[in-house]
PDB file of N, CA and C in Angstrom:
ATOM      1  N   MET A   1     -58.775 -44.192 -20.849  1.00  0.00           N
ATOM      2  CA  MET A   1     -57.501 -44.135 -21.546  1.00  0.00           C
ATOM      3  C   MET A   1     -57.618 -43.119 -22.680  1.00  0.00           C
ATOM      4  N   TYR A   2     -56.655 -42.224 -22.747  1.00  0.00           N
ATOM      5  CA  TYR A   2     -56.641 -41.191 -23.788  1.00  0.00           C
ATOM      6  C   TYR A   2     -55.763 -41.644 -24.946  1.00  0.00           C
ATOM      7  N   LEU A   3     -56.314 -41.630 -26.137  1.00  0.00           N
ATOM      8  CA  LEU A   3     -55.547 -41.977 -27.334  1.00  0.00           C
ATOM      9  C   LEU A   3     -55.256 -40.714 -28.115  1.00  0.00           C
ATOM     10  N   TYR A   4     -53.989 -40.427 -28.299  1.00  0.00           N
ATOM     11  CA  TYR A   4     -53.600 -39.250 -29.073  1.00  0.00           C
ATOM     12  C   TYR A   4     -53.573 -39.620 -30.547  1.00  0.00           C
ATOM     13  N   THR A   5     -54.374 -38.924 -31.332  1.00  0.00           N
ATOM     14  CA  THR A   5     -54.386 -39.189 -32.768  1.00  0.00           C
ATOM     15  C   THR A   5     -53.769 -38.001 -33.485  1.00  0.00           C
ATOM     16  N   MET A   6     -53.024 -38.292 -34.504  1.00  0.00           N
ATOM     17  CA  MET A   6     -52.392 -37.247 -35.282  1.00  0.00           C
ATOM     18  C   MET A   6     -52.316 -37.692 -36.727  1.00  0.00           C
ATOM     19  N   GLU A   7     -52.112 -36.735 -37.592  1.00  0.00           N
ATOM     20  CA  GLU A   7     -51.950 -37.059 -38.996  1.00  0.00           C
ATOM     21  C   GLU A   7     -50.630 -37.792 -39.188  1.00  0.00           C
ATOM     22  N   LYS A   8     -50.659 -38.861 -39.918  1.00  0.00           N
ATOM     23  CA  LYS A   8     -49.448 -39.631 -40.216  1.00  0.00           C
ATOM     24  C   LYS A   8     -48.743 -39.007 -41.416  1.00  0.00           C
ATOM     25  N   ILE A   9     -47.415 -39.018 -41.376  1.00  0.00           N
ATOM     26  CA  ILE A   9     -46.634 -38.537 -42.514  1.00  0.00           C
ATOM     27  C   ILE A   9     -45.769 -39.677 -43.029  1.00  0.00           C
ATOM     28  N   SER A  10     -45.323 -39.524 -44.250  1.00  0.00           N
ATOM     29  CA  SER A  10     -44.454 -40.544 -44.831  1.00  0.00           C
ATOM     30  C   SER A  10     -43.019 -40.295 -44.377  1.00  0.00           C
ATOM     31  N   PHE A  11     -42.180 -41.309 -44.538  1.00  0.00           N
ATOM     32  CA  PHE A  11     -40.767 -41.163 -44.204  1.00  0.00           C
ATOM     33  C   PHE A  11     -40.128 -40.088 -45.081  1.00  0.00           C
ATOM     34  N   ASP A  12     -40.550 -40.003 -46.340  1.00  0.00           N
ATOM     35  CA  ASP A  12     -40.014 -38.964 -47.229  1.00  0.00           C
ATOM     36  C   ASP A  12     -40.371 -37.562 -46.728  1.00  0.00           C
ATOM     37  N   GLN A  13     -41.576 -37.395 -46.166  1.00  0.00           N
ATOM     38  CA  GLN A  13     -41.945 -36.099 -45.594  1.00  0.00           C
ATOM     39  C   GLN A  13     -41.050 -35.759 -44.400  1.00  0.00           C
ATOM     40  N   PHE A  14     -40.762 -36.751 -43.573  1.00  0.00           N
ATOM     41  CA  PHE A  14     -39.850 -36.540 -42.450  1.00  0.00           C
ATOM     42  C   PHE A  14     -38.475 -36.125 -42.957  1.00  0.00           C
ATOM     43  N   LEU A  15     -37.990 -36.802 -43.979  1.00  0.00           N
ATOM     44  CA  LEU A  15     -36.662 -36.487 -44.520  1.00  0.00           C
ATOM     45  C   LEU A  15     -36.588 -35.075 -45.104  1.00  0.00           C
ATOM     46  N   ALA A  16     -37.731 -34.526 -45.480  1.00  0.00           N
ATOM     47  CA  ALA A  16     -37.750 -33.170 -46.036  1.00  0.00           C
ATOM     48  C   ALA A  16     -37.460 -32.108 -44.970  1.00  0.00           C
ATOM     49  N   VAL A  17     -37.635 -32.468 -43.697  1.00  0.00           N
ATOM     50  CA  VAL A  17     -37.366 -31.523 -42.604  1.00  0.00           C
ATOM     51  C   VAL A  17     -35.892 -31.649 -42.226  1.00  0.00           C
ATOM     52  N   GLU A  18     -35.132 -30.588 -42.449  1.00  0.00           N
ATOM     53  CA  GLU A  18     -33.693 -30.574 -42.150  1.00  0.00           C
ATOM     54  C   GLU A  18     -33.473 -30.099 -40.726  1.00  0.00           C
ATOM     55  N   MET A  19     -33.272 -31.042 -39.818  1.00  0.00           N
ATOM     56  CA  MET A  19     -32.941 -30.702 -38.434  1.00  0.00           C
ATOM     57  C   MET A  19     -31.437 -30.896 -38.271  1.00  0.00           C
ATOM     58  N   ARG A  20     -30.764 -29.852 -37.814  1.00  0.00           N
ATOM     59  CA  ARG A  20     -29.305 -29.892 -37.702  1.00  0.00           C
ATOM     60  C   ARG A  20     -28.850 -29.464 -36.316  1.00  0.00           C
ATOM     61  N   ILE A  21     -27.646 -29.871 -35.962  1.00  0.00           N
ATOM     62  CA  ILE A  21     -27.021 -29.493 -34.697  1.00  0.00           C
ATOM     63  C   ILE A  21     -26.249 -28.193 -34.910  1.00  0.00           C
ATOM     64  N   GLY A  22     -26.492 -27.232 -34.032  1.00  0.00           N
ATOM     65  CA  GLY A  22     -25.762 -25.974 -34.071  1.00  0.00           C
ATOM     66  C   GLY A  22     -25.261 -25.613 -32.693  1.00  0.00           C
ATOM     67  N   VAL A  23     -24.384 -24.616 -32.634  1.00  0.00           N
ATOM     68  CA  VAL A  23     -23.884 -24.127 -31.354  1.00  0.00           C
ATOM     69  C   VAL A  23     -24.150 -22.622 -31.281  1.00  0.00           C
ATOM     70  N   ILE A  24     -24.725 -22.181 -30.160  1.00  0.00           N
ATOM     71  CA  ILE A  24     -25.037 -20.761 -29.990  1.00  0.00           C
ATOM     72  C   ILE A  24     -23.742 -19.995 -29.757  1.00  0.00           C
ATOM     73  N   LYS A  25     -23.482 -19.037 -30.625  1.00  0.00           N
ATOM     74  CA  LYS A  25     -22.276 -18.219 -30.539  1.00  0.00           C
ATOM     75  C   LYS A  25     -22.532 -16.873 -29.879  1.00  0.00           C
ATOM     76  N   GLU A  26     -23.771 -16.385 -30.007  1.00  0.00           N
ATOM     77  CA  GLU A  26     -24.128 -15.079 -29.461  1.00  0.00           C
ATOM     78  C   GLU A  26     -25.610 -15.099 -29.114  1.00  0.00           C
ATOM     79  N   ALA A  27     -25.988 -14.406 -28.045  1.00  0.00           N
ATOM     80  CA  ALA A  27     -27.390 -14.306 -27.630  1.00  0.00           C
ATOM     81  C   ALA A  27     -27.632 -12.904 -27.086  1.00  0.00           C
ATOM     82  N   LYS A  28     -28.780 -12.310 -27.487  1.00  0.00           N
ATOM     83  CA  LYS A  28     -29.129 -10.950 -27.069  1.00  0.00           C
ATOM     84  C   LYS A  28     -30.600 -10.914 -26.659  1.00  0.00           C
ATOM     85  N   ASP A  29     -30.926  -9.962 -25.774  1.00  0.00           N
ATOM     86  CA  ASP A  29     -32.333  -9.710 -25.477  1.00  0.00           C
ATOM     87  C   ASP A  29     -33.017  -9.200 -26.735  1.00  0.00           C
ATOM     88  N   PHE A  30     -34.216  -9.690 -27.016  1.00  0.00           N
ATOM     89  CA  PHE A  30     -34.991  -9.238 -28.172  1.00  0.00           C
ATOM     90  C   PHE A  30     -36.026  -8.250 -27.650  1.00  0.00           C
ATOM     91  N   ILE A  31     -35.612  -7.019 -27.539  1.00  0.00           N
ATOM     92  CA  ILE A  31     -36.414  -5.977 -26.905  1.00  0.00           C
ATOM     93  C   ILE A  31     -37.710  -5.687 -27.656  1.00  0.00           C
ATOM     94  N   LYS A  32     -37.715  -5.777 -28.974  1.00  0.00           N
ATOM     95  CA  LYS A  32     -38.904  -5.428 -29.759  1.00  0.00           C
ATOM     96  C   LYS A  32     -39.901  -6.579 -29.924  1.00  0.00           C
ATOM     97  N   ALA A  33     -39.591  -7.745 -29.398  1.00  0.00           N
ATOM     98  CA  ALA A  33     -40.508  -8.885 -29.491  1.00  0.00           C
ATOM     99  C   ALA A  33     -41.725  -8.641 -28.603  1.00  0.00           C
ATOM    100  N   ARG A  34     -42.906  -9.115 -29.026  1.00  0.00           N
ATOM    101  CA  ARG A  34     -44.131  -8.951 -28.235  1.00  0.00           C
ATOM    102  C   ARG A  34     -44.075  -9.743 -26.940  1.00  0.00           C
ATOM    103  N   LYS A  35     -43.547 -10.965 -27.007  1.00  0.00           N
ATOM    104  CA  LYS A  35     -43.373 -11.805 -25.828  1.00  0.00           C
ATOM    105  C   LYS A  35     -41.879 -11.873 -25.529  1.00  0.00           C
ATOM    106  N   PRO A  36     -41.492 -12.052 -24.264  1.00  0.00           N
ATOM    107  CA  PRO A  36     -40.065 -12.114 -23.933  1.00  0.00           C
ATOM    108  C   PRO A  36     -39.340 -13.163 -24.783  1.00  0.00           C
ATOM    109  N   ALA A  37     -38.247 -12.731 -25.425  1.00  0.00           N
ATOM    110  CA  ALA A  37     -37.502 -13.622 -26.313  1.00  0.00           C
ATOM    111  C   ALA A  37     -36.046 -13.185 -26.393  1.00  0.00           C
ATOM    112  N   TYR A  38     -35.239 -14.092 -26.921  1.00  0.00           N
ATOM    113  CA  TYR A  38     -33.827 -13.805 -27.204  1.00  0.00           C
ATOM    114  C   TYR A  38     -33.598 -13.890 -28.702  1.00  0.00           C
ATOM    115  N   GLN A  39     -32.598 -13.170 -29.163  1.00  0.00           N
ATOM    116  CA  GLN A  39     -32.085 -13.322 -30.518  1.00  0.00           C
ATOM    117  C   GLN A  39     -30.856 -14.215 -30.405  1.00  0.00           C
ATOM    118  N   LEU A  40     -30.891 -15.343 -31.094  1.00  0.00           N
ATOM    119  CA  LEU A  40     -29.782 -16.293 -31.054  1.00  0.00           C
ATOM    120  C   LEU A  40     -29.037 -16.284 -32.383  1.00  0.00           C
ATOM    121  N   TYR A  41     -27.735 -16.356 -32.316  1.00  0.00           N
ATOM    122  CA  TYR A  41     -26.874 -16.446 -33.495  1.00  0.00           C
ATOM    123  C   TYR A  41     -26.163 -17.787 -33.384  1.00  0.00           C
ATOM    124  N   ILE A  42     -26.503 -18.694 -34.294  1.00  0.00           N
ATOM    125  CA  ILE A  42     -26.127 -20.098 -34.174  1.00  0.00           C
ATOM    126  C   ILE A  42     -25.235 -20.514 -35.330  1.00  0.00           C
ATOM    127  N   ASP A  43     -24.137 -21.193 -35.007  1.00  0.00           N
ATOM    128  CA  ASP A  43     -23.213 -21.709 -36.022  1.00  0.00           C
ATOM    129  C   ASP A  43     -23.566 -23.158 -36.324  1.00  0.00           C
ATOM    130  N   PHE A  44     -23.828 -23.446 -37.606  1.00  0.00           N
ATOM    131  CA  PHE A  44     -24.147 -24.800 -38.047  1.00  0.00           C
ATOM    132  C   PHE A  44     -23.020 -25.426 -38.860  1.00  0.00           C
ATOM    133  N   GLY A  45     -21.835 -24.854 -38.819  1.00  0.00           N
ATOM    134  CA  GLY A  45     -20.691 -25.407 -39.543  1.00  0.00           C
ATOM    135  C   GLY A  45     -20.596 -24.861 -40.956  1.00  0.00           C
ATOM    136  N   GLU A  46     -19.622 -25.368 -41.679  1.00  0.00           N
ATOM    137  CA  GLU A  46     -19.288 -24.839 -43.014  1.00  0.00           C
ATOM    138  C   GLU A  46     -20.418 -24.937 -44.024  1.00  0.00           C
ATOM    139  N   GLU A  47     -21.131 -26.046 -44.043  1.00  0.00           N
ATOM    140  CA  GLU A  47     -22.169 -26.266 -45.066  1.00  0.00           C
ATOM    141  C   GLU A  47     -23.311 -25.254 -44.964  1.00  0.00           C
ATOM    142  N   ILE A  48     -23.765 -24.967 -43.765  1.00  0.00           N
ATOM    143  CA  ILE A  48     -24.927 -24.091 -43.559  1.00  0.00           C
ATOM    144  C   ILE A  48     -24.511 -22.708 -43.078  1.00  0.00           C
ATOM    145  N   GLY A  49     -23.483 -22.627 -42.271  1.00  0.00           N
ATOM    146  CA  GLY A  49     -22.999 -21.346 -41.779  1.00  0.00           C
ATOM    147  C   GLY A  49     -23.735 -20.881 -40.533  1.00  0.00           C
ATOM    148  N   ARG A  50     -23.683 -19.588 -40.312  1.00  0.00           N
ATOM    149  CA  ARG A  50     -24.275 -18.969 -39.125  1.00  0.00           C
ATOM    150  C   ARG A  50     -25.680 -18.466 -39.466  1.00  0.00           C
ATOM    151  N   LYS A  51     -26.647 -18.800 -38.612  1.00  0.00           N
ATOM    152  CA  LYS A  51     -28.049 -18.415 -38.816  1.00  0.00           C
ATOM    153  C   LYS A  51     -28.599 -17.770 -37.554  1.00  0.00           C
ATOM    154  N   LYS A  52     -29.691 -17.014 -37.724  1.00  0.00           N
ATOM    155  CA  LYS A  52     -30.335 -16.304 -36.614  1.00  0.00           C
ATOM    156  C   LYS A  52     -31.671 -16.961 -36.273  1.00  0.00           C
ATOM    157  N   SER A  53     -32.030 -16.846 -34.988  1.00  0.00           N
ATOM    158  CA  SER A  53     -33.318 -17.364 -34.552  1.00  0.00           C
ATOM    159  C   SER A  53     -33.846 -16.529 -33.392  1.00  0.00           C
ATOM    160  N   SER A  54     -35.156 -16.315 -33.374  1.00  0.00           N
ATOM    161  CA  SER A  54     -35.827 -15.721 -32.228  1.00  0.00           C
ATOM    162  C   SER A  54     -36.360 -16.881 -31.398  1.00  0.00           C
ATOM    163  N   ALA A  55     -36.086 -16.847 -30.092  1.00  0.00           N
ATOM    164  CA  ALA A  55     -36.498 -17.965 -29.238  1.00  0.00           C
ATOM    165  C   ALA A  55     -37.105 -17.448 -27.939  1.00  0.00           C
ATOM    166  N   GLN A  56     -38.315 -17.919 -27.631  1.00  0.00           N
ATOM    167  CA  GLN A  56     -39.002 -17.535 -26.398  1.00  0.00           C
ATOM    168  C   GLN A  56     -38.605 -18.501 -25.282  1.00  0.00           C
ATOM    169  N   ILE A  57     -37.365 -18.346 -24.819  1.00  0.00           N
ATOM    170  CA  ILE A  57     -36.803 -19.263 -23.827  1.00  0.00           C
ATOM    171  C   ILE A  57     -36.299 -18.524 -22.584  1.00  0.00           C
ATOM    172  N   CYS A  58     -36.714 -17.277 -22.416  1.00  0.00           N
ATOM    173  CA  CYS A  58     -36.205 -16.421 -21.327  1.00  0.00           C
ATOM    174  C   CYS A  58     -36.507 -16.972 -19.940  1.00  0.00           C
ATOM    175  N   ALA A  59     -37.618 -17.670 -19.774  1.00  0.00           N
ATOM    176  CA  ALA A  59     -38.013 -18.157 -18.451  1.00  0.00           C
ATOM    177  C   ALA A  59     -37.040 -19.191 -17.900  1.00  0.00           C
ATOM    178  N   ASN A  60     -36.390 -19.949 -18.778  1.00  0.00           N
ATOM    179  CA  ASN A  60     -35.530 -21.044 -18.320  1.00  0.00           C
ATOM    180  C   ASN A  60     -34.043 -20.832 -18.557  1.00  0.00           C
ATOM    181  N   TYR A  61     -33.661 -19.754 -19.266  1.00  0.00           N
ATOM    182  CA  TYR A  61     -32.251 -19.572 -19.613  1.00  0.00           C
ATOM    183  C   TYR A  61     -31.815 -18.126 -19.452  1.00  0.00           C
ATOM    184  N   ASP A  62     -30.637 -17.930 -18.871  1.00  0.00           N
ATOM    185  CA  ASP A  62     -29.988 -16.626 -18.847  1.00  0.00           C
ATOM    186  C   ASP A  62     -29.132 -16.520 -20.102  1.00  0.00           C
ATOM    187  N   LEU A  63     -28.976 -15.305 -20.614  1.00  0.00           N
ATOM    188  CA  LEU A  63     -28.195 -15.092 -21.839  1.00  0.00           C
ATOM    189  C   LEU A  63     -26.812 -15.740 -21.762  1.00  0.00           C
ATOM    190  N   ALA A  64     -26.102 -15.509 -20.685  1.00  0.00           N
ATOM    191  CA  ALA A  64     -24.730 -16.006 -20.563  1.00  0.00           C
ATOM    192  C   ALA A  64     -24.661 -17.528 -20.604  1.00  0.00           C
ATOM    193  N   ASP A  65     -25.698 -18.199 -20.120  1.00  0.00           N
ATOM    194  CA  ASP A  65     -25.708 -19.664 -20.096  1.00  0.00           C
ATOM    195  C   ASP A  65     -25.931 -20.278 -21.468  1.00  0.00           C
ATOM    196  N   LEU A  66     -26.385 -19.479 -22.430  1.00  0.00           N
ATOM    197  CA  LEU A  66     -26.684 -20.006 -23.763  1.00  0.00           C
ATOM    198  C   LEU A  66     -25.446 -20.105 -24.651  1.00  0.00           C
ATOM    199  N   ILE A  67     -24.460 -19.263 -24.409  1.00  0.00           N
ATOM    200  CA  ILE A  67     -23.266 -19.252 -25.255  1.00  0.00           C
ATOM    201  C   ILE A  67     -22.550 -20.596 -25.153  1.00  0.00           C
ATOM    202  N   GLY A  68     -22.294 -21.199 -26.318  1.00  0.00           N
ATOM    203  CA  GLY A  68     -21.619 -22.494 -26.375  1.00  0.00           C
ATOM    204  C   GLY A  68     -22.545 -23.686 -26.276  1.00  0.00           C
ATOM    205  N   ARG A  69     -23.825 -23.450 -26.052  1.00  0.00           N
ATOM    206  CA  ARG A  69     -24.790 -24.552 -25.931  1.00  0.00           C
ATOM    207  C   ARG A  69     -25.136 -25.107 -27.312  1.00  0.00           C
ATOM    208  N   ARG A  70     -25.148 -26.418 -27.408  1.00  0.00           N
ATOM    209  CA  ARG A  70     -25.574 -27.074 -28.644  1.00  0.00           C
ATOM    210  C   ARG A  70     -27.097 -27.146 -28.656  1.00  0.00           C
ATOM    211  N   VAL A  71     -27.687 -26.919 -29.841  1.00  0.00           N
ATOM    212  CA  VAL A  71     -29.138 -26.953 -30.010  1.00  0.00           C
ATOM    213  C   VAL A  71     -29.487 -27.731 -31.273  1.00  0.00           C
ATOM    214  N   VAL A  72     -30.750 -28.139 -31.352  1.00  0.00           N
ATOM    215  CA  VAL A  72     -31.305 -28.738 -32.564  1.00  0.00           C
ATOM    216  C   VAL A  72     -32.220 -27.695 -33.184  1.00  0.00           C
ATOM    217  N   ALA A  73     -32.094 -27.494 -34.502  1.00  0.00           N
ATOM    218  CA  ALA A  73     -32.940 -26.503 -35.174  1.00  0.00           C
ATOM    219  C   ALA A  73     -33.335 -26.994 -36.552  1.00  0.00           C
ATOM    220  N   VAL A  74     -34.536 -26.603 -36.962  1.00  0.00           N
ATOM    221  CA  VAL A  74     -34.971 -26.830 -38.342  1.00  0.00           C
ATOM    222  C   VAL A  74     -34.357 -25.702 -39.163  1.00  0.00           C
ATOM    223  N   VAL A  75     -33.588 -26.077 -40.177  1.00  0.00           N
ATOM    224  CA  VAL A  75     -32.845 -25.071 -40.945  1.00  0.00           C
ATOM    225  C   VAL A  75     -33.415 -24.809 -42.336  1.00  0.00           C
ATOM    226  N   ASN A  76     -34.470 -25.530 -42.722  1.00  0.00           N
ATOM    227  CA  ASN A  76     -34.992 -25.330 -44.078  1.00  0.00           C
ATOM    228  C   ASN A  76     -36.417 -24.778 -44.127  1.00  0.00           C
ATOM    229  N   PHE A  77     -36.860 -24.123 -43.046  1.00  0.00           N
ATOM    230  CA  PHE A  77     -38.085 -23.331 -43.120  1.00  0.00           C
ATOM    231  C   PHE A  77     -37.745 -21.995 -43.783  1.00  0.00           C
ATOM    232  N   PRO A  78     -38.716 -21.349 -44.422  1.00  0.00           N
ATOM    233  CA  PRO A  78     -38.436 -20.014 -44.949  1.00  0.00           C
ATOM    234  C   PRO A  78     -38.205 -19.035 -43.794  1.00  0.00           C
ATOM    235  N   PRO A  79     -37.375 -18.018 -43.976  1.00  0.00           N
ATOM    236  CA  PRO A  79     -37.161 -17.021 -42.927  1.00  0.00           C
ATOM    237  C   PRO A  79     -38.487 -16.363 -42.536  1.00  0.00           C
ATOM    238  N   LYS A  80     -38.567 -15.948 -41.261  1.00  0.00           N
ATOM    239  CA  LYS A  80     -39.791 -15.322 -40.752  1.00  0.00           C
ATOM    240  C   LYS A  80     -39.427 -14.002 -40.083  1.00  0.00           C
ATOM    241  N   GLN A  81     -40.109 -12.943 -40.511  1.00  0.00           N
ATOM    242  CA  GLN A  81     -39.901 -11.617 -39.925  1.00  0.00           C
ATOM    243  C   GLN A  81     -40.611 -11.550 -38.579  1.00  0.00           C
ATOM    244  N   ILE A  82     -39.872 -11.250 -37.521  1.00  0.00           N
ATOM    245  CA  ILE A  82     -40.438 -11.077 -36.190  1.00  0.00           C
ATOM    246  C   ILE A  82     -39.979  -9.711 -35.714  1.00  0.00           C
ATOM    247  N   ALA A  83     -40.913  -8.764 -35.651  1.00  0.00           N
ATOM    248  CA  ALA A  83     -40.604  -7.355 -35.354  1.00  0.00           C
ATOM    249  C   ALA A  83     -39.536  -6.888 -36.346  1.00  0.00           C
ATOM    250  N   ASN A  84     -38.404  -6.429 -35.847  1.00  0.00           N
ATOM    251  CA  ASN A  84     -37.350  -5.922 -36.726  1.00  0.00           C
ATOM    252  C   ASN A  84     -36.251  -6.956 -36.970  1.00  0.00           C
ATOM    253  N   PHE A  85     -36.551  -8.236 -36.775  1.00  0.00           N
ATOM    254  CA  PHE A  85     -35.555  -9.303 -36.813  1.00  0.00           C
ATOM    255  C   PHE A  85     -36.009 -10.398 -37.767  1.00  0.00           C
ATOM    256  N   MET A  86     -35.101 -10.894 -38.592  1.00  0.00           N
ATOM    257  CA  MET A  86     -35.407 -11.989 -39.511  1.00  0.00           C
ATOM    258  C   MET A  86     -34.912 -13.299 -38.893  1.00  0.00           C
ATOM    259  N   SER A  87     -35.855 -14.128 -38.454  1.00  0.00           N
ATOM    260  CA  SER A  87     -35.519 -15.427 -37.876  1.00  0.00           C
ATOM    261  C   SER A  87     -35.362 -16.423 -39.013  1.00  0.00           C
ATOM    262  N   GLU A  88     -34.203 -17.076 -39.078  1.00  0.00           N
ATOM    263  CA  GLU A  88     -33.874 -17.957 -40.207  1.00  0.00           C
ATOM    264  C   GLU A  88     -34.022 -19.438 -39.909  1.00  0.00           C
ATOM    265  N   VAL A  89     -33.988 -19.814 -38.633  1.00  0.00           N
ATOM    266  CA  VAL A  89     -34.119 -21.220 -38.243  1.00  0.00           C
ATOM    267  C   VAL A  89     -35.047 -21.318 -37.044  1.00  0.00           C
ATOM    268  N   LEU A  90     -35.606 -22.511 -36.820  1.00  0.00           N
ATOM    269  CA  LEU A  90     -36.481 -22.761 -35.684  1.00  0.00           C
ATOM    270  C   LEU A  90     -35.763 -23.685 -34.706  1.00  0.00           C
ATOM    271  N   VAL A  91     -35.400 -23.140 -33.552  1.00  0.00           N
ATOM    272  CA  VAL A  91     -34.750 -23.925 -32.505  1.00  0.00           C
ATOM    273  C   VAL A  91     -35.821 -24.766 -31.814  1.00  0.00           C
ATOM    274  N   LEU A  92     -35.513 -26.043 -31.574  1.00  0.00           N
ATOM    275  CA  LEU A  92     -36.510 -26.977 -31.047  1.00  0.00           C
ATOM    276  C   LEU A  92     -36.426 -27.138 -29.536  1.00  0.00           C
ATOM    277  N   GLY A  93     -37.590 -27.258 -28.927  1.00  0.00           N
ATOM    278  CA  GLY A  93     -37.700 -27.468 -27.494  1.00  0.00           C
ATOM    279  C   GLY A  93     -39.052 -28.064 -27.151  1.00  0.00           C
ATOM    280  N   VAL A  94     -39.264 -28.274 -25.873  1.00  0.00           N
ATOM    281  CA  VAL A  94     -40.534 -28.800 -25.369  1.00  0.00           C
ATOM    282  C   VAL A  94     -40.993 -27.936 -24.203  1.00  0.00           C
ATOM    283  N   LYS A  95     -42.289 -27.990 -23.894  1.00  0.00           N
ATOM    284  CA  LYS A  95     -42.812 -27.242 -22.752  1.00  0.00           C
ATOM    285  C   LYS A  95     -42.504 -27.990 -21.453  1.00  0.00           C
ATOM    286  N   ASP A  96     -42.142 -27.211 -20.432  1.00  0.00           N
ATOM    287  CA  ASP A  96     -41.951 -27.792 -19.110  1.00  0.00           C
ATOM    288  C   ASP A  96     -43.286 -27.794 -18.366  1.00  0.00           C
ATOM    289  N   ALA A  97     -43.259 -28.124 -17.079  1.00  0.00           N
ATOM    290  CA  ALA A  97     -44.486 -28.209 -16.275  1.00  0.00           C
ATOM    291  C   ALA A  97     -45.215 -26.871 -16.179  1.00  0.00           C
ATOM    292  N   LYS A  98     -44.492 -25.766 -16.349  1.00  0.00           N
ATOM    293  CA  LYS A  98     -45.093 -24.430 -16.278  1.00  0.00           C
ATOM    294  C   LYS A  98     -45.494 -23.901 -17.654  1.00  0.00           C
ATOM    295  N   GLY A  99     -45.281 -24.700 -18.702  1.00  0.00           N
ATOM    296  CA  GLY A  99     -45.628 -24.273 -20.052  1.00  0.00           C
ATOM    297  C   GLY A  99     -44.557 -23.443 -20.733  1.00  0.00           C
ATOM    298  N   GLU A 100     -43.368 -23.371 -20.130  1.00  0.00           N
ATOM    299  CA  GLU A 100     -42.249 -22.619 -20.706  1.00  0.00           C
ATOM    300  C   GLU A 100     -41.356 -23.555 -21.509  1.00  0.00           C
ATOM    301  N   ILE A 101     -40.689 -23.030 -22.525  1.00  0.00           N
ATOM    302  CA  ILE A 101     -39.892 -23.851 -23.417  1.00  0.00           C
ATOM    303  C   ILE A 101     -38.543 -24.228 -22.810  1.00  0.00           C
ATOM    304  N   VAL A 102     -38.217 -25.516 -22.923  1.00  0.00           N
ATOM    305  CA  VAL A 102     -36.925 -26.071 -22.541  1.00  0.00           C
ATOM    306  C   VAL A 102     -36.288 -26.601 -23.820  1.00  0.00           C
ATOM    307  N   LEU A 103     -35.062 -26.193 -24.087  1.00  0.00           N
ATOM    308  CA  LEU A 103     -34.359 -26.640 -25.289  1.00  0.00           C
ATOM    309  C   LEU A 103     -34.064 -28.131 -25.226  1.00  0.00           C
ATOM    310  N   LEU A 104     -34.053 -28.783 -26.393  1.00  0.00           N
ATOM    311  CA  LEU A 104     -33.663 -30.191 -26.447  1.00  0.00           C
ATOM    312  C   LEU A 104     -32.183 -30.300 -26.095  1.00  0.00           C
ATOM    313  N   ASP A 105     -31.827 -31.305 -25.305  1.00  0.00           N
ATOM    314  CA  ASP A 105     -30.421 -31.527 -24.957  1.00  0.00           C
ATOM    315  C   ASP A 105     -29.712 -32.224 -26.104  1.00  0.00           C
ATOM    316  N   VAL A 106     -28.467 -31.802 -26.328  1.00  0.00           N
ATOM    317  CA  VAL A 106     -27.642 -32.399 -27.372  1.00  0.00           C
ATOM    318  C   VAL A 106     -26.298 -32.766 -26.758  1.00  0.00           C
ATOM    319  N   SER A 107     -25.837 -33.957 -27.010  1.00  0.00           N
ATOM    320  CA  SER A 107     -24.549 -34.407 -26.491  1.00  0.00           C
ATOM    321  C   SER A 107     -23.421 -33.511 -26.992  1.00  0.00           C
ATOM    322  N   GLU A 108     -22.449 -33.261 -26.129  1.00  0.00           N
ATOM    323  CA  GLU A 108     -21.275 -32.466 -26.505  1.00  0.00           C
ATOM    324  C   GLU A 108     -20.484 -33.144 -27.625  1.00  0.00           C
ATOM    325  N   SER A 109     -20.663 -34.448 -27.786  1.00  0.00           N
ATOM    326  CA  SER A 109     -19.932 -35.153 -28.839  1.00  0.00           C
ATOM    327  C   SER A 109     -20.618 -35.052 -30.202  1.00  0.00           C
ATOM    328  N   ALA A 110     -21.842 -34.501 -30.222  1.00  0.00           N
ATOM    329  CA  ALA A 110     -22.562 -34.346 -31.498  1.00  0.00           C
ATOM    330  C   ALA A 110     -21.836 -33.301 -32.353  1.00  0.00           C
ATOM    331  N   LYS A 111     -21.585 -33.643 -33.590  1.00  0.00           N
ATOM    332  CA  LYS A 111     -20.837 -32.770 -34.503  1.00  0.00           C
ATOM    333  C   LYS A 111     -21.720 -31.607 -34.973  1.00  0.00           C
ATOM    334  N   ILE A 112     -21.156 -30.410 -34.922  1.00  0.00           N
ATOM    335  CA  ILE A 112     -21.850 -29.211 -35.393  1.00  0.00           C
ATOM    336  C   ILE A 112     -22.180 -29.375 -36.878  1.00  0.00           C
ATOM    337  N   GLY A 113     -23.415 -29.060 -37.234  1.00  0.00           N
ATOM    338  CA  GLY A 113     -23.869 -29.171 -38.612  1.00  0.00           C
ATOM    339  C   GLY A 113     -24.455 -30.518 -38.971  1.00  0.00           C
ATOM    340  N   GLU A 114     -24.279 -31.499 -38.099  1.00  0.00           N
ATOM    341  CA  GLU A 114     -24.770 -32.856 -38.381  1.00  0.00           C
ATOM    342  C   GLU A 114     -26.294 -32.877 -38.424  1.00  0.00           C
ATOM    343  N   ARG A 115     -26.813 -33.667 -39.336  1.00  0.00           N
ATOM    344  CA  ARG A 115     -28.257 -33.811 -39.488  1.00  0.00           C
ATOM    345  C   ARG A 115     -28.821 -34.754 -38.440  1.00  0.00           C
ATOM    346  N   VAL A 116     -30.018 -34.448 -37.937  1.00  0.00           N
ATOM    347  CA  VAL A 116     -30.730 -35.310 -37.004  1.00  0.00           C
ATOM    348  C   VAL A 116     -31.401 -36.413 -37.815  1.00  0.00           C
ATOM    349  N   HIS A 117     -31.217 -37.655 -37.399  1.00  0.00           N
ATOM    350  CA  HIS A 117     -31.794 -38.805 -38.121  1.00  0.00           C
ATOM    351  C   HIS A 117     -32.863 -39.464 -37.296  1.00  0.00           C
TER     352      HIS A 117
END
């Protein structure tokens, strides 16, 4: 039996991570990225606004299929420069059987900008 051990965090540490629901408004090929990636432009509603993210999700998603898709993203990490692009949020996903990223599913009824609890 394999026991997965990890560092435990407090509930306050969890609350410090701002995960919010956004909707992808625009997606482009990220030509200058070292690994295949897209540039995503995500709307998080009035409070947070529109943010950018680089996402290595090309194996499982076509650009056109991403428009209008709801995603979960961490919105309070510092921006990160990736090639010539400033990624402002981290879109969340999990690895599939091939090791490629699959975005977390979000219900269509989830309100844009809402915090993940």
